[in-house]
Amino acid sequence: MKNEQPERPIIELLENGPIVAKNVPHFRGPDGEDIEPKQVMALCRCGASRNKPFCDGSHSTTEFRSTPSEERTSDRVRTFEGQELTIYYSRLLCSHAGECGKRLKTVFDSSRKPWIAPDNASREDIAAVITACPSGALSYGLRGEPPQHIVKNEVAITIEKCGPYHVNRIGLAEPHPIKGGCADKYVLCRCGHSRNKPYCDGTHKDIGWKD
């Protein structure tokens, strides 16, 4: 008998319902603990489950809607050109985790205009920050080259404490076409209040959502 190939990991988004994650090899909880993944997991994204991170059906009683808000962030990519390097930024995908400013404030400083300055650090340092960006909102390229994302090798879903799901190297069954998006890493809303569903927009911080 031929060896059966393991089924590829995939994420399905049920309309007005949970995230269904299949064949996920690594699943980490809000405190960094490993959670043994089941072959099929229904994960809460309405924010109201009493059994977080798993769905308990609360979306049906809270009248959760999975469609983006009419106030959804504009789908465009901003370009920041340096002498050798160009950095690209999609605000629609950004979960406002703040990793870029924490790691390299000389380049990424939201108090400055323009807030991204590609010439203020080495290519290696900028690449490290773009690797750490969980949402895929940041990418970069040498002048004249198309933008590229940098994705960690691990195939996993990691839960941010009191925040969203960080997804790495697991595709969406029905991708949402976003300019500048990365199919291999993105951040999905868990509180149920993002204006940019299914993606996180940082609203969980504004409303003080807790898991």
C-alpha atoms as a PDB file:
ATOM      1  CA  MET A   1       0.000   0.000   0.000  1.00  0.00           C
ATOM      2  CA  LYS A   2       1.140   3.504  -0.764  1.00  0.00           C
ATOM      3  CA  ASN A   3       1.787   5.820   2.135  1.00  0.00           C
ATOM      4  CA  GLU A   4      -1.061   8.272   2.432  1.00  0.00           C
ATOM      5  CA  GLN A   5      -0.005  11.896   2.328  1.00  0.00           C
ATOM      6  CA  PRO A   6      -1.245  13.982   5.272  1.00  0.00           C
ATOM      7  CA  GLU A   7      -4.007  16.384   4.337  1.00  0.00           C
ATOM      8  CA  ARG A   8      -2.857  19.966   4.040  1.00  0.00           C
ATOM      9  CA  PRO A   9      -3.806  22.449   6.755  1.00  0.00           C
ATOM     10  CA  ILE A  10      -6.642  24.748   5.756  1.00  0.00           C
ATOM     11  CA  ILE A  11      -8.895  27.362   7.352  1.00  0.00           C
ATOM     12  CA  GLU A  12     -12.553  27.778   6.470  1.00  0.00           C
ATOM     13  CA  LEU A  13     -14.613  30.778   7.565  1.00  0.00           C
ATOM     14  CA  LEU A  14     -18.246  29.914   8.151  1.00  0.00           C
ATOM     15  CA  GLU A  15     -20.649  32.733   7.349  1.00  0.00           C
ATOM     16  CA  ASN A  16     -21.795  34.376  10.597  1.00  0.00           C
ATOM     17  CA  GLY A  17     -20.112  31.488  12.405  1.00  0.00           C
ATOM     18  CA  PRO A  18     -16.770  30.181  13.607  1.00  0.00           C
ATOM     19  CA  ILE A  19     -13.373  29.606  12.058  1.00  0.00           C
ATOM     20  CA  VAL A  20     -12.946  25.956  11.121  1.00  0.00           C
ATOM     21  CA  ALA A  21      -9.279  24.925  11.219  1.00  0.00           C
ATOM     22  CA  LYS A  22      -8.333  21.559   9.742  1.00  0.00           C
ATOM     23  CA  ASN A  23      -5.130  19.525  10.005  1.00  0.00           C
ATOM     24  CA  VAL A  24      -3.248  22.199  11.980  1.00  0.00           C
ATOM     25  CA  PRO A  25       0.017  20.709  13.306  1.00  0.00           C
ATOM     26  CA  HIS A  26       0.769  23.386  15.933  1.00  0.00           C
ATOM     27  CA  PHE A  27      -1.749  25.291  18.062  1.00  0.00           C
ATOM     28  CA  ARG A  28      -0.667  27.623  20.864  1.00  0.00           C
ATOM     29  CA  GLY A  29      -2.748  29.255  23.550  1.00  0.00           C
ATOM     30  CA  PRO A  30      -2.722  32.840  24.881  1.00  0.00           C
ATOM     31  CA  ASP A  31      -0.023  32.074  27.459  1.00  0.00           C
ATOM     32  CA  GLY A  32       2.245  30.334  24.959  1.00  0.00           C
ATOM     33  CA  GLU A  33       1.176  26.853  26.025  1.00  0.00           C
ATOM     34  CA  ASP A  34       0.802  24.128  23.413  1.00  0.00           C
ATOM     35  CA  ILE A  35      -2.774  22.989  22.886  1.00  0.00           C
ATOM     36  CA  GLU A  36      -3.115  19.559  21.325  1.00  0.00           C
ATOM     37  CA  PRO A  37      -4.886  20.232  18.039  1.00  0.00           C
ATOM     38  CA  LYS A  38      -7.796  18.131  16.820  1.00  0.00           C
ATOM     39  CA  GLN A  39      -8.052  17.259  13.151  1.00  0.00           C
ATOM     40  CA  VAL A  40     -11.001  19.668  12.884  1.00  0.00           C
ATOM     41  CA  MET A  41     -11.421  22.588  15.306  1.00  0.00           C
ATOM     42  CA  ALA A  42     -14.224  25.159  15.434  1.00  0.00           C
ATOM     43  CA  LEU A  43     -12.677  28.337  16.814  1.00  0.00           C
ATOM     44  CA  CYS A  44     -14.699  31.240  18.195  1.00  0.00           C
ATOM     45  CA  ARG A  45     -14.561  34.529  16.293  1.00  0.00           C
ATOM     46  CA  CYS A  46     -17.653  36.249  17.726  1.00  0.00           C
ATOM     47  CA  GLY A  47     -15.824  36.923  20.998  1.00  0.00           C
ATOM     48  CA  ALA A  48     -18.643  35.576  23.170  1.00  0.00           C
ATOM     49  CA  SER A  49     -17.924  31.856  23.567  1.00  0.00           C
ATOM     50  CA  ARG A  50     -17.730  30.635  27.150  1.00  0.00           C
ATOM     51  CA  ASN A  51     -15.279  27.982  25.966  1.00  0.00           C
ATOM     52  CA  LYS A  52     -12.677  30.156  24.233  1.00  0.00           C
ATOM     53  CA  PRO A  53     -10.808  29.621  22.016  1.00  0.00           C
ATOM     54  CA  PHE A  54     -13.374  27.058  20.872  1.00  0.00           C
ATOM     55  CA  CYS A  55     -16.835  27.858  19.571  1.00  0.00           C
ATOM     56  CA  ASP A  56     -19.818  27.031  21.796  1.00  0.00           C
ATOM     57  CA  GLY A  57     -22.536  28.338  19.472  1.00  0.00           C
ATOM     58  CA  SER A  58     -22.762  31.803  21.088  1.00  0.00           C
ATOM     59  CA  HIS A  59     -22.543  33.456  17.650  1.00  0.00           C
ATOM     60  CA  SER A  60     -26.153  32.421  17.031  1.00  0.00           C
ATOM     61  CA  THR A  61     -27.468  34.175  20.152  1.00  0.00           C
ATOM     62  CA  THR A  62     -25.326  37.309  19.817  1.00  0.00           C
ATOM     63  CA  GLU A  63     -26.373  37.811  16.178  1.00  0.00           C
ATOM     64  CA  PHE A  64     -22.730  37.881  15.100  1.00  0.00           C
ATOM     65  CA  ARG A  65     -22.137  38.998  11.518  1.00  0.00           C
ATOM     66  CA  SER A  66     -18.976  37.991   9.705  1.00  0.00           C
ATOM     67  CA  THR A  67     -19.213  40.631   6.972  1.00  0.00           C
ATOM     68  CA  PRO A  68     -16.858  43.630   7.088  1.00  0.00           C
ATOM     69  CA  SER A  69     -18.212  46.930   8.381  1.00  0.00           C
ATOM     70  CA  GLU A  70     -19.266  49.723   6.058  1.00  0.00           C
ATOM     71  CA  GLU A  71     -16.412  51.625   7.745  1.00  0.00           C
ATOM     72  CA  ARG A  72     -13.878  49.067   6.546  1.00  0.00           C
ATOM     73  CA  THR A  73     -10.344  50.382   6.047  1.00  0.00           C
ATOM     74  CA  SER A  74      -9.502  51.332   2.472  1.00  0.00           C
ATOM     75  CA  ASP A  75      -7.797  48.544   0.527  1.00  0.00           C
ATOM     76  CA  ARG A  76      -4.622  50.194  -0.691  1.00  0.00           C
ATOM     77  CA  VAL A  77      -0.896  49.750  -0.281  1.00  0.00           C
ATOM     78  CA  ARG A  78       1.273  52.699   0.739  1.00  0.00           C
ATOM     79  CA  THR A  79       4.789  52.845  -0.656  1.00  0.00           C
ATOM     80  CA  PHE A  80       7.804  54.236   1.219  1.00  0.00           C
ATOM     81  CA  GLU A  81      10.844  54.533  -1.014  1.00  0.00           C
ATOM     82  CA  GLY A  82      14.417  54.655   0.232  1.00  0.00           C
ATOM     83  CA  GLN A  83      17.652  54.922  -1.712  1.00  0.00           C
ATOM     84  CA  GLU A  84      18.007  51.137  -1.995  1.00  0.00           C
ATOM     85  CA  LEU A  85      14.920  49.673  -0.373  1.00  0.00           C
ATOM     86  CA  THR A  86      11.179  50.203  -0.702  1.00  0.00           C
ATOM     87  CA  ILE A  87       8.812  49.256   2.131  1.00  0.00           C
ATOM     88  CA  TYR A  88       5.126  48.543   1.438  1.00  0.00           C
ATOM     89  CA  TYR A  89       2.316  48.802   3.971  1.00  0.00           C
ATOM     90  CA  SER A  90      -1.311  47.623   3.838  1.00  0.00           C
ATOM     91  CA  ARG A  91      -3.307  49.316   6.609  1.00  0.00           C
ATOM     92  CA  LEU A  92      -6.284  47.046   5.927  1.00  0.00           C
ATOM     93  CA  LEU A  93      -4.280  43.997   7.002  1.00  0.00           C
ATOM     94  CA  CYS A  94      -2.532  45.626   9.946  1.00  0.00           C
ATOM     95  CA  SER A  95      -3.556  44.288  13.367  1.00  0.00           C
ATOM     96  CA  HIS A  96      -1.633  47.096  15.104  1.00  0.00           C
ATOM     97  CA  ALA A  97       0.397  44.630  17.148  1.00  0.00           C
ATOM     98  CA  GLY A  98       3.145  47.262  17.217  1.00  0.00           C
ATOM     99  CA  GLU A  99       6.002  44.825  16.601  1.00  0.00           C
ATOM    100  CA  CYS A 100       7.596  47.115  14.021  1.00  0.00           C
ATOM    101  CA  GLY A 101       7.855  50.136  16.332  1.00  0.00           C
ATOM    102  CA  LYS A 102       9.009  48.047  19.284  1.00  0.00           C
ATOM    103  CA  ARG A 103      11.777  46.405  17.295  1.00  0.00           C
ATOM    104  CA  LEU A 104      13.002  49.207  15.032  1.00  0.00           C
ATOM    105  CA  LYS A 105      11.709  52.654  15.957  1.00  0.00           C
ATOM    106  CA  THR A 106      14.361  54.357  13.798  1.00  0.00           C
ATOM    107  CA  VAL A 107      12.457  53.060  10.754  1.00  0.00           C
ATOM    108  CA  PHE A 108       8.902  52.585  12.061  1.00  0.00           C
ATOM    109  CA  ASP A 109       7.720  55.544  14.143  1.00  0.00           C
ATOM    110  CA  SER A 110       3.998  56.361  14.110  1.00  0.00           C
ATOM    111  CA  SER A 111       4.630  59.789  15.662  1.00  0.00           C
ATOM    112  CA  ARG A 112       6.587  60.888  12.572  1.00  0.00           C
ATOM    113  CA  LYS A 113       5.524  61.768   9.040  1.00  0.00           C
ATOM    114  CA  PRO A 114       6.171  59.794   6.981  1.00  0.00           C
ATOM    115  CA  TRP A 115       6.087  57.139   9.660  1.00  0.00           C
ATOM    116  CA  ILE A 116       8.282  54.681   7.734  1.00  0.00           C
ATOM    117  CA  ALA A 117      11.863  55.713   6.864  1.00  0.00           C
ATOM    118  CA  PRO A 118      13.585  52.889   4.901  1.00  0.00           C
ATOM    119  CA  ASP A 119      17.030  54.521   4.948  1.00  0.00           C
ATOM    120  CA  ASN A 120      17.315  54.543   8.754  1.00  0.00           C
ATOM    121  CA  ALA A 121      18.463  50.928   9.177  1.00  0.00           C
ATOM    122  CA  SER A 122      20.126  48.074   7.330  1.00  0.00           C
ATOM    123  CA  ARG A 123      18.311  45.733   4.989  1.00  0.00           C
ATOM    124  CA  GLU A 124      18.935  42.877   7.452  1.00  0.00           C
ATOM    125  CA  ASP A 125      17.326  44.751  10.355  1.00  0.00           C
ATOM    126  CA  ILE A 126      14.317  45.737   8.249  1.00  0.00           C
ATOM    127  CA  ALA A 127      13.922  42.157   7.012  1.00  0.00           C
ATOM    128  CA  ALA A 128      13.895  40.920  10.620  1.00  0.00           C
ATOM    129  CA  VAL A 129      11.033  43.284  11.476  1.00  0.00           C
ATOM    130  CA  ILE A 130       9.030  42.296   8.405  1.00  0.00           C
ATOM    131  CA  THR A 131       9.508  38.646   9.399  1.00  0.00           C
ATOM    132  CA  ALA A 132       8.132  39.448  12.870  1.00  0.00           C
ATOM    133  CA  CYS A 133       5.084  41.306  11.482  1.00  0.00           C
ATOM    134  CA  PRO A 134       2.267  38.778  12.137  1.00  0.00           C
ATOM    135  CA  SER A 135      -0.306  40.225   9.752  1.00  0.00           C
ATOM    136  CA  GLY A 136       1.578  40.422   6.465  1.00  0.00           C
ATOM    137  CA  ALA A 137       0.808  44.145   6.325  1.00  0.00           C
ATOM    138  CA  LEU A 138       4.496  44.905   5.753  1.00  0.00           C
ATOM    139  CA  SER A 139       6.613  43.785   2.805  1.00  0.00           C
ATOM    140  CA  TYR A 140       9.713  45.118   1.107  1.00  0.00           C
ATOM    141  CA  GLY A 141      11.746  44.994  -2.076  1.00  0.00           C
ATOM    142  CA  LEU A 142      14.939  46.356  -3.531  1.00  0.00           C
ATOM    143  CA  ARG A 143      14.349  49.285  -5.841  1.00  0.00           C
ATOM    144  CA  GLY A 144      12.862  48.035  -9.076  1.00  0.00           C
ATOM    145  CA  GLU A 145      11.900  44.649  -7.619  1.00  0.00           C
ATOM    146  CA  PRO A 146       8.395  43.495  -6.636  1.00  0.00           C
ATOM    147  CA  PRO A 147       7.513  43.424  -2.918  1.00  0.00           C
ATOM    148  CA  GLN A 148       8.174  40.282  -0.938  1.00  0.00           C
ATOM    149  CA  HIS A 149       6.944  38.992   2.389  1.00  0.00           C
ATOM    150  CA  ILE A 150       9.097  36.980   4.771  1.00  0.00           C
ATOM    151  CA  VAL A 151       7.336  34.103   6.510  1.00  0.00           C
ATOM    152  CA  LYS A 152       8.547  31.861   9.315  1.00  0.00           C
ATOM    153  CA  ASN A 153       8.766  28.165   8.477  1.00  0.00           C
ATOM    154  CA  GLU A 154       6.446  26.901  11.206  1.00  0.00           C
ATOM    155  CA  VAL A 155       2.906  25.863  10.255  1.00  0.00           C
ATOM    156  CA  ALA A 156       0.837  27.066  13.189  1.00  0.00           C
ATOM    157  CA  ILE A 157      -1.992  29.058  14.731  1.00  0.00           C
ATOM    158  CA  THR A 158      -0.963  31.122  17.747  1.00  0.00           C
ATOM    159  CA  ILE A 159      -3.483  32.924  19.949  1.00  0.00           C
ATOM    160  CA  GLU A 160      -2.529  36.405  21.118  1.00  0.00           C
ATOM    161  CA  LYS A 161      -3.567  36.989  24.732  1.00  0.00           C
ATOM    162  CA  CYS A 162      -6.773  39.047  24.722  1.00  0.00           C
ATOM    163  CA  GLY A 163      -6.253  39.386  20.992  1.00  0.00           C
ATOM    164  CA  PRO A 164      -6.516  37.692  17.597  1.00  0.00           C
ATOM    165  CA  TYR A 165      -5.353  34.484  15.943  1.00  0.00           C
ATOM    166  CA  HIS A 166      -1.917  34.655  14.297  1.00  0.00           C
ATOM    167  CA  VAL A 167      -1.902  32.275  11.333  1.00  0.00           C
ATOM    168  CA  ASN A 168       1.334  31.099   9.722  1.00  0.00           C
ATOM    169  CA  ARG A 169       1.607  28.999   6.551  1.00  0.00           C
ATOM    170  CA  ILE A 170      -2.033  27.901   6.605  1.00  0.00           C
ATOM    171  CA  GLY A 171      -4.135  29.064   3.683  1.00  0.00           C
ATOM    172  CA  LEU A 172      -7.730  30.218   3.611  1.00  0.00           C
ATOM    173  CA  ALA A 173     -10.090  27.921   1.733  1.00  0.00           C
ATOM    174  CA  GLU A 174     -11.650  31.004   0.151  1.00  0.00           C
ATOM    175  CA  PRO A 175      -8.981  33.730   0.142  1.00  0.00           C
ATOM    176  CA  HIS A 176     -10.047  37.337   0.495  1.00  0.00           C
ATOM    177  CA  PRO A 177      -8.288  39.286  -2.265  1.00  0.00           C
ATOM    178  CA  ILE A 178      -6.423  42.100  -0.525  1.00  0.00           C
ATOM    179  CA  LYS A 179      -3.871  44.343  -2.199  1.00  0.00           C
ATOM    180  CA  GLY A 180      -0.432  43.492  -0.885  1.00  0.00           C
ATOM    181  CA  GLY A 181      -1.741  40.562   1.143  1.00  0.00           C
ATOM    182  CA  CYS A 182       0.240  37.464   2.044  1.00  0.00           C
ATOM    183  CA  ALA A 183      -1.456  34.061   1.731  1.00  0.00           C
ATOM    184  CA  ASP A 184       1.018  32.527   4.177  1.00  0.00           C
ATOM    185  CA  LYS A 185       0.570  34.830   7.170  1.00  0.00           C
ATOM    186  CA  TYR A 186      -2.312  36.914   8.414  1.00  0.00           C
ATOM    187  CA  VAL A 187      -4.185  37.756  11.615  1.00  0.00           C
ATOM    188  CA  LEU A 188      -7.839  36.841  12.119  1.00  0.00           C
ATOM    189  CA  CYS A 189     -10.224  38.735  14.400  1.00  0.00           C
ATOM    190  CA  ARG A 190     -11.236  36.905  17.590  1.00  0.00           C
ATOM    191  CA  CYS A 191     -13.191  39.587  19.462  1.00  0.00           C
ATOM    192  CA  GLY A 192     -15.921  39.863  16.821  1.00  0.00           C
ATOM    193  CA  HIS A 193     -15.713  43.648  16.461  1.00  0.00           C
ATOM    194  CA  SER A 194     -13.106  44.280  13.751  1.00  0.00           C
ATOM    195  CA  ARG A 195     -14.240  46.581  10.970  1.00  0.00           C
ATOM    196  CA  ASN A 196     -12.064  44.572   8.590  1.00  0.00           C
ATOM    197  CA  LYS A 197     -13.380  41.039   9.177  1.00  0.00           C
ATOM    198  CA  PRO A 198     -12.117  38.412   8.847  1.00  0.00           C
ATOM    199  CA  TYR A 199      -8.895  40.289   9.606  1.00  0.00           C
ATOM    200  CA  CYS A 200      -8.049  41.932  12.936  1.00  0.00           C
ATOM    201  CA  ASP A 201      -7.856  45.740  12.989  1.00  0.00           C
ATOM    202  CA  GLY A 202      -6.833  46.180  16.626  1.00  0.00           C
ATOM    203  CA  THR A 203     -10.357  46.950  17.907  1.00  0.00           C
ATOM    204  CA  HIS A 204      -9.932  44.393  20.715  1.00  0.00           C
ATOM    205  CA  LYS A 205      -7.554  46.852  22.391  1.00  0.00           C
ATOM    206  CA  ASP A 206      -9.916  49.809  21.963  1.00  0.00           C
ATOM    207  CA  ILE A 207     -12.847  48.013  23.583  1.00  0.00           C
ATOM    208  CA  GLY A 208     -10.790  46.269  26.268  1.00  0.00           C
ATOM    209  CA  TRP A 209     -11.829  42.797  25.111  1.00  0.00           C
ATOM    210  CA  LYS A 210     -10.664  39.942  27.334  1.00  0.00           C
ATOM    211  CA  ASP A 211     -10.340  36.244  26.620  1.00  0.00           C
END
